Amino acid sequence: MQLSELTNALDQHPDAGLAFVLPDDSTVAQHFHVTEVGRVRKDFIDCGGTARRTDSCVLQVWVANDIDHRLIAGKLGKIIGLGKDILQDADLPVEIEYDVGVITQFAVKSLDADDKQITLKLAGKHTACLAPDRCGVDEGASDSGCCSPDDSVVSLGVNQGKCC
């Protein structure tokens, strides 16, 4: 999901609550905070020797002990707006950084919005070879067994489509 899609939903439903649904269908506690809005740029060389660059907007979500805290869409829109000079681009893919025992970045799979709630469904990210033709790797091969039919492969930030 692109940042512009998220900000449009936040603007259209400013009084809506927010929910994050993790890949296992559990949800982030309703009293979460968004503690960081950032643009993450990664410059790298893939295993085939191709130079690549990815950029994304990462929203860090954190749960504190203040169980009465509730972040609504309009407030999140203002928080994202504070980062407009850093983000520079509304067409960045959005990722959610959350601590599930280790800090994990999730892709946003879908967004459902109405006047009561905006729900972001998150998807896991998986590794994959970006140069299978140069490495002699079968493009569909994966021995990790971690991919479900609905998962996308994101290797080094580059969306590779369906896993396995």
Protein backbone atom coordinates (compact mmCIF):
# COMPACT_ATOMS: atom_id res chain seq x y z
CA MET A 1 0.00 0.00 0.00
CA GLN A 2 1.23 3.45 -0.87
CA LEU A 3 1.46 6.32 1.61
CA SER A 4 -1.02 8.37 -0.45
CA GLU A 5 -3.66 5.63 -0.01
CA LEU A 6 -3.17 5.67 3.75
CA THR A 7 -3.24 9.46 4.09
CA ASN A 8 -6.36 9.66 1.89
CA ALA A 9 -8.17 7.19 4.17
CA LEU A 10 -7.02 9.09 7.27
CA ASP A 11 -8.24 12.39 5.78
CA GLN A 12 -11.60 10.93 4.73
CA HIS A 13 -12.28 9.35 8.15
CA PRO A 14 -10.51 11.60 10.71
CA ASP A 15 -12.57 10.40 13.70
CA ALA A 16 -12.17 6.69 12.92
CA GLY A 17 -10.30 4.37 15.24
CA LEU A 18 -7.29 2.46 13.98
CA ALA A 19 -6.52 -1.25 14.04
CA PHE A 20 -3.52 -3.28 12.89
CA VAL A 21 -4.13 -6.95 12.10
CA LEU A 22 -0.98 -9.06 12.15
CA PRO A 23 -0.41 -11.92 9.67
CA ASP A 24 -1.58 -14.47 12.26
CA ASP A 25 -4.91 -12.55 12.58
CA SER A 26 -4.08 -11.26 16.06
CA THR A 27 -4.28 -7.50 16.53
CA VAL A 28 -1.97 -4.91 17.98
CA ALA A 29 -3.39 -3.69 21.31
CA GLN A 30 -5.76 -0.74 20.81
CA HIS A 31 -3.67 1.51 23.03
CA PHE A 32 -0.69 1.55 20.65
CA HIS A 33 1.35 4.64 19.84
CA VAL A 34 3.00 5.54 16.53
CA THR A 35 6.42 6.57 17.80
CA GLU A 36 8.25 7.15 14.52
CA VAL A 37 7.46 8.14 10.95
CA GLY A 38 10.44 7.64 8.70
CA ARG A 39 11.68 7.32 5.18
CA VAL A 40 13.98 4.35 4.88
CA ARG A 41 16.27 4.16 1.87
CA LYS A 42 18.31 1.08 1.15
CA ASP A 43 21.06 1.02 -1.50
CA PHE A 44 22.45 -2.44 -2.14
CA ILE A 45 23.92 -4.93 -4.57
CA ASP A 46 21.94 -8.12 -5.12
CA CYS A 47 23.63 -11.51 -5.38
CA GLY A 48 23.77 -11.14 -9.17
CA GLY A 49 25.71 -7.90 -8.97
CA THR A 50 22.86 -5.51 -9.81
CA ALA A 51 22.82 -2.23 -7.88
CA ARG A 52 19.37 -1.52 -6.43
CA ARG A 53 17.61 1.06 -4.30
CA THR A 54 14.39 0.85 -2.34
CA ASP A 55 12.55 3.53 -0.39
CA SER A 56 9.66 3.11 2.03
CA CYS A 57 7.70 4.93 4.70
CA VAL A 58 8.05 3.07 7.98
CA LEU A 59 5.63 3.71 10.83
CA GLN A 60 6.89 2.37 14.14
CA VAL A 61 4.08 1.07 16.35
CA TRP A 62 4.67 0.65 20.08
CA VAL A 63 2.42 -0.49 22.91
CA ALA A 64 2.83 1.15 26.32
CA ASN A 65 1.14 0.57 29.65
CA ASP A 66 -1.29 3.48 29.25
CA ILE A 67 -4.25 1.32 28.28
CA ASP A 68 -6.62 4.31 27.94
CA HIS A 69 -4.60 5.74 25.01
CA ARG A 70 -6.36 5.60 21.62
CA LEU A 71 -4.95 7.04 18.42
CA ILE A 72 -7.56 8.15 15.88
CA ALA A 73 -7.09 8.57 12.16
CA GLY A 74 -6.92 12.37 12.17
CA LYS A 75 -4.16 12.35 14.79
CA LEU A 76 -2.15 9.78 12.82
CA GLY A 77 -2.60 11.97 9.74
CA LYS A 78 -1.12 14.91 11.68
CA ILE A 79 1.80 12.78 12.89
CA ILE A 80 2.52 11.68 9.31
CA GLY A 81 2.19 15.32 8.22
CA LEU A 82 4.96 16.28 10.65
CA GLY A 83 7.25 14.02 8.62
CA LYS A 84 6.37 15.42 5.18
CA ASP A 85 9.80 17.04 4.72
CA ILE A 86 11.50 13.74 5.54
CA LEU A 87 9.11 11.56 3.55
CA GLN A 88 9.26 13.80 0.45
CA ASP A 89 7.02 11.47 -1.56
CA ALA A 90 3.43 10.30 -1.21
CA ASP A 91 4.05 7.27 -3.41
CA LEU A 92 6.23 5.41 -0.93
CA PRO A 93 5.15 1.92 0.11
CA VAL A 94 4.10 1.84 3.78
CA GLU A 95 5.55 -0.66 6.23
CA ILE A 96 4.73 -1.11 9.89
CA GLU A 97 7.56 -1.76 12.33
CA TYR A 98 6.40 -3.61 15.44
CA ASP A 99 8.01 -5.64 18.21
CA VAL A 100 6.70 -9.22 18.19
CA GLY A 101 9.57 -10.55 20.30
CA VAL A 102 11.98 -9.05 17.79
CA ILE A 103 11.55 -5.86 15.80
CA THR A 104 9.75 -6.84 12.62
CA GLN A 105 8.68 -4.87 9.57
CA PHE A 106 5.39 -5.83 7.98
CA ALA A 107 4.08 -4.87 4.57
CA VAL A 108 0.57 -3.42 4.54
CA LYS A 109 -1.52 -5.97 2.62
CA SER A 110 -4.83 -4.08 2.63
CA LEU A 111 -6.75 -1.21 4.14
CA ASP A 112 -10.46 -1.27 5.04
CA ALA A 113 -11.99 2.05 6.07
CA ASP A 114 -15.28 3.44 7.25
CA ASP A 115 -16.27 6.23 9.62
CA LYS A 116 -15.82 3.98 12.68
CA GLN A 117 -12.52 2.24 11.98
CA ILE A 118 -9.58 2.00 9.61
CA THR A 119 -8.09 -1.48 9.61
CA LEU A 120 -4.65 -2.18 8.19
CA LYS A 121 -4.03 -5.85 7.48
CA LEU A 122 -0.34 -6.63 7.65
CA ALA A 123 1.62 -9.26 5.77
CA GLY A 124 4.91 -10.89 6.56
CA LYS A 125 7.94 -10.23 4.43
CA HIS A 126 10.10 -13.07 3.14
CA THR A 127 13.50 -13.31 1.55
CA ALA A 128 14.11 -14.43 -2.02
CA CYS A 129 16.88 -14.39 -4.57
CA LEU A 130 16.67 -11.29 -6.80
CA ALA A 131 18.90 -12.78 -9.50
CA PRO A 132 17.86 -16.44 -9.86
CA ASP A 133 18.94 -16.53 -13.51
CA ARG A 134 22.48 -15.51 -12.54
CA CYS A 135 22.69 -17.68 -9.41
CA GLY A 136 21.27 -20.89 -10.87
CA VAL A 137 18.36 -20.88 -8.42
CA ASP A 138 14.89 -22.07 -9.37
CA GLU A 139 12.68 -18.95 -9.10
CA GLY A 140 9.88 -20.85 -7.35
CA ALA A 141 12.16 -22.72 -4.97
CA SER A 142 11.87 -22.19 -1.25
CA ASP A 143 12.84 -24.66 1.42
CA SER A 144 11.84 -22.47 4.36
CA GLY A 145 8.24 -23.69 4.33
CA CYS A 146 7.18 -20.35 5.80
CA CYS A 147 5.17 -19.00 2.92
CA SER A 148 1.43 -19.23 2.68
CA PRO A 149 -0.33 -18.95 -0.70
CA ASP A 150 -1.33 -15.34 0.06
CA ASP A 151 2.14 -14.12 1.01
CA SER A 152 4.27 -11.93 -1.19
CA VAL A 153 8.01 -12.30 -1.35
CA VAL A 154 9.88 -9.12 -0.50
CA SER A 155 13.60 -9.60 -0.82
CA LEU A 156 15.79 -6.71 0.20
CA GLY A 157 12.71 -4.51 -0.11
CA VAL A 158 11.97 -5.45 -3.73
CA ASN A 159 8.53 -7.01 -4.19
CA GLN A 160 8.94 -10.31 -6.00
CA GLY A 161 5.26 -11.34 -6.16
CA LYS A 162 3.87 -14.56 -4.73
CA CYS A 163 5.97 -16.74 -2.48
CA CYS A 164 6.77 -20.31 -3.56
